[in-house]
């Protein structure tokens, strides 16, 4: 039972994958965005290759919790994944990219490398928060 976490941006999609037990999240890749058809095909390929049961998509709500322009784009992308038959969960990802950046700066990662891995780390944080929430709300899953 693996989960795929996505941090969907305009230029890239950060991707994280859970372990088979659904306990921990690890960075998998960063996909360069193309057409929506190409992006969905890449996600479907990853889902099939890793036997994923659910895709967790980070939803970038505004600070006040409202759905802004970027969140609307992500909702459209998530709806397209669902249309392809994938089980999709939306997860509030406010501050995930900032948290990823803080982790990378604390680890003394150079600015150039941070740009290459920040979306993947944001996807890890989104997925890990979701997995932790699942275990807390249903201890039988742990």
Protein backbone atom coordinates (compact mmCIF):
# COMPACT_ATOMS: atom_id res chain seq x y z
CA UNK A 1 0.00 0.00 0.00
CA UNK A 2 2.09 2.88 -1.29
CA UNK A 3 1.16 6.53 -1.58
CA UNK A 4 2.43 9.12 -4.03
CA UNK A 5 2.73 12.75 -2.91
CA UNK A 6 2.69 15.63 -5.38
CA UNK A 7 3.72 19.26 -5.07
CA UNK A 8 2.22 20.67 -8.27
CA UNK A 9 3.74 23.91 -9.52
CA UNK A 10 3.60 25.80 -12.80
CA UNK A 11 6.99 24.57 -14.02
CA UNK A 12 7.62 21.38 -12.05
CA UNK A 13 5.91 18.67 -10.02
CA UNK A 14 7.76 17.44 -6.95
CA UNK A 15 7.08 13.75 -6.34
CA UNK A 16 7.44 11.72 -3.14
CA UNK A 17 6.71 8.04 -2.51
CA UNK A 18 5.83 6.25 0.70
CA UNK A 19 7.39 3.01 1.86
CA UNK A 20 5.24 -0.11 1.27
CA UNK A 21 3.72 0.15 4.76
CA UNK A 22 2.65 3.77 4.27
CA UNK A 23 4.71 5.05 7.20
CA UNK A 24 7.48 7.20 5.73
CA UNK A 25 7.81 9.43 2.68
CA UNK A 26 10.92 9.69 0.51
CA UNK A 27 11.67 12.00 -2.37
CA UNK A 28 11.29 10.31 -5.73
CA UNK A 29 11.77 12.84 -8.52
CA UNK A 30 10.97 16.27 -9.92
CA UNK A 31 9.00 16.24 -13.15
CA UNK A 32 9.29 19.07 -15.64
CA UNK A 33 5.81 20.25 -16.61
CA UNK A 34 4.60 19.80 -20.17
CA UNK A 35 1.06 19.56 -21.43
CA UNK A 36 -1.52 18.30 -18.96
CA UNK A 37 -1.76 15.08 -20.98
CA UNK A 38 2.00 14.54 -20.69
CA UNK A 39 1.96 15.37 -16.96
CA UNK A 40 -0.89 12.95 -16.28
CA UNK A 41 0.82 10.23 -18.32
CA UNK A 42 3.99 10.64 -16.22
CA UNK A 43 2.00 10.37 -12.99
CA UNK A 44 0.10 7.30 -14.27
CA UNK A 45 3.41 5.68 -15.16
CA UNK A 46 4.79 6.30 -11.65
CA UNK A 47 1.58 4.98 -10.07
CA UNK A 48 1.81 1.77 -12.10
CA UNK A 49 5.56 1.32 -11.56
CA UNK A 50 5.31 1.68 -7.78
CA UNK A 51 1.94 0.02 -7.16
CA UNK A 52 0.46 3.21 -5.68
CA UNK A 53 -3.01 3.02 -4.09
CA UNK A 54 -3.58 6.75 -3.51
CA UNK A 55 -2.18 10.05 -4.78
CA UNK A 56 -1.90 12.90 -2.29
CA UNK A 57 -1.90 16.29 -3.99
CA UNK A 58 -0.79 19.36 -2.07
CA UNK A 59 -3.44 22.11 -2.22
CA UNK A 60 -1.86 25.57 -1.86
CA UNK A 61 -4.59 27.43 0.00
CA UNK A 62 -4.18 31.10 0.84
CA UNK A 63 -3.20 32.07 4.38
CA UNK A 64 -6.86 32.65 5.25
CA UNK A 65 -7.77 29.18 3.92
CA UNK A 66 -9.41 30.37 0.72
CA UNK A 67 -8.80 28.88 -2.72
CA UNK A 68 -6.76 31.25 -4.87
CA UNK A 69 -5.58 31.08 -8.49
CA UNK A 70 -2.80 28.53 -7.88
CA UNK A 71 -5.10 26.30 -5.83
CA UNK A 72 -7.66 26.38 -8.66
CA UNK A 73 -4.96 25.13 -11.06
CA UNK A 74 -4.10 22.32 -8.65
CA UNK A 75 -7.78 21.39 -8.23
CA UNK A 76 -8.10 21.14 -12.02
CA UNK A 77 -5.01 18.90 -12.15
CA UNK A 78 -6.32 16.69 -9.32
CA UNK A 79 -9.69 16.38 -11.07
CA UNK A 80 -7.89 15.21 -14.20
CA UNK A 81 -6.04 12.54 -12.21
CA UNK A 82 -9.35 11.37 -10.73
CA UNK A 83 -10.83 11.24 -14.24
CA UNK A 84 -8.07 8.74 -15.06
CA UNK A 85 -9.30 6.51 -12.24
CA UNK A 86 -6.78 7.45 -9.57
CA UNK A 87 -7.74 7.77 -5.92
CA UNK A 88 -6.77 11.37 -5.10
CA UNK A 89 -6.64 13.09 -1.71
CA UNK A 90 -6.10 16.83 -1.44
CA UNK A 91 -3.87 17.94 1.42
CA UNK A 92 -3.42 21.49 2.69
CA UNK A 93 0.16 22.34 1.80
CA UNK A 94 0.43 25.86 3.16
CA UNK A 95 4.04 26.53 4.10
CA UNK A 96 5.40 23.22 2.71
CA UNK A 97 7.74 24.95 0.24
CA UNK A 98 8.89 27.40 2.91
CA UNK A 99 9.49 24.55 5.34
CA UNK A 100 11.44 22.67 2.67
CA UNK A 101 13.56 25.74 2.05
CA UNK A 102 14.27 26.13 5.79
CA UNK A 103 15.36 22.47 6.00
CA UNK A 104 17.70 22.87 3.04
CA UNK A 105 19.21 26.10 4.36
CA UNK A 106 19.71 24.52 7.79
CA UNK A 107 21.48 21.63 6.07
CA UNK A 108 23.74 24.18 4.35
CA UNK A 109 22.63 23.16 0.86
CA UNK A 110 23.84 25.59 -1.78
CA UNK A 111 21.28 27.80 -3.48
CA UNK A 112 21.78 26.14 -6.89
CA UNK A 113 21.11 22.66 -5.51
CA UNK A 114 18.17 23.93 -3.41
CA UNK A 115 16.39 24.97 -6.62
CA UNK A 116 16.75 21.44 -7.99
CA UNK A 117 15.42 19.61 -4.93
CA UNK A 118 13.01 21.97 -3.19
CA UNK A 119 9.90 20.69 -5.00
CA UNK A 120 10.79 17.09 -4.19
CA UNK A 121 11.32 17.95 -0.52
CA UNK A 122 8.02 19.87 -0.44
CA UNK A 123 6.31 16.73 -1.82
CA UNK A 124 7.96 14.69 0.94
CA UNK A 125 6.63 17.08 3.59
CA UNK A 126 3.12 17.01 2.09
CA UNK A 127 3.07 13.22 1.96
CA UNK A 128 4.66 12.71 5.38
CA UNK A 129 2.13 15.06 7.00
CA UNK A 130 -0.68 13.14 5.33
CA UNK A 131 0.71 9.75 6.43
CA UNK A 132 1.15 10.99 10.01
CA UNK A 133 -2.41 12.31 10.04
CA UNK A 134 -3.75 8.96 8.82
CA UNK A 135 -1.96 7.13 11.63
CA UNK A 136 -3.17 9.60 14.27
CA UNK A 137 -6.79 9.51 13.15
CA UNK A 138 -6.87 5.72 12.70
CA UNK A 139 -4.30 4.08 15.01
CA UNK A 140 -5.24 0.67 13.58
CA UNK A 141 -3.41 1.67 10.37
CA UNK A 142 -0.03 2.02 12.10
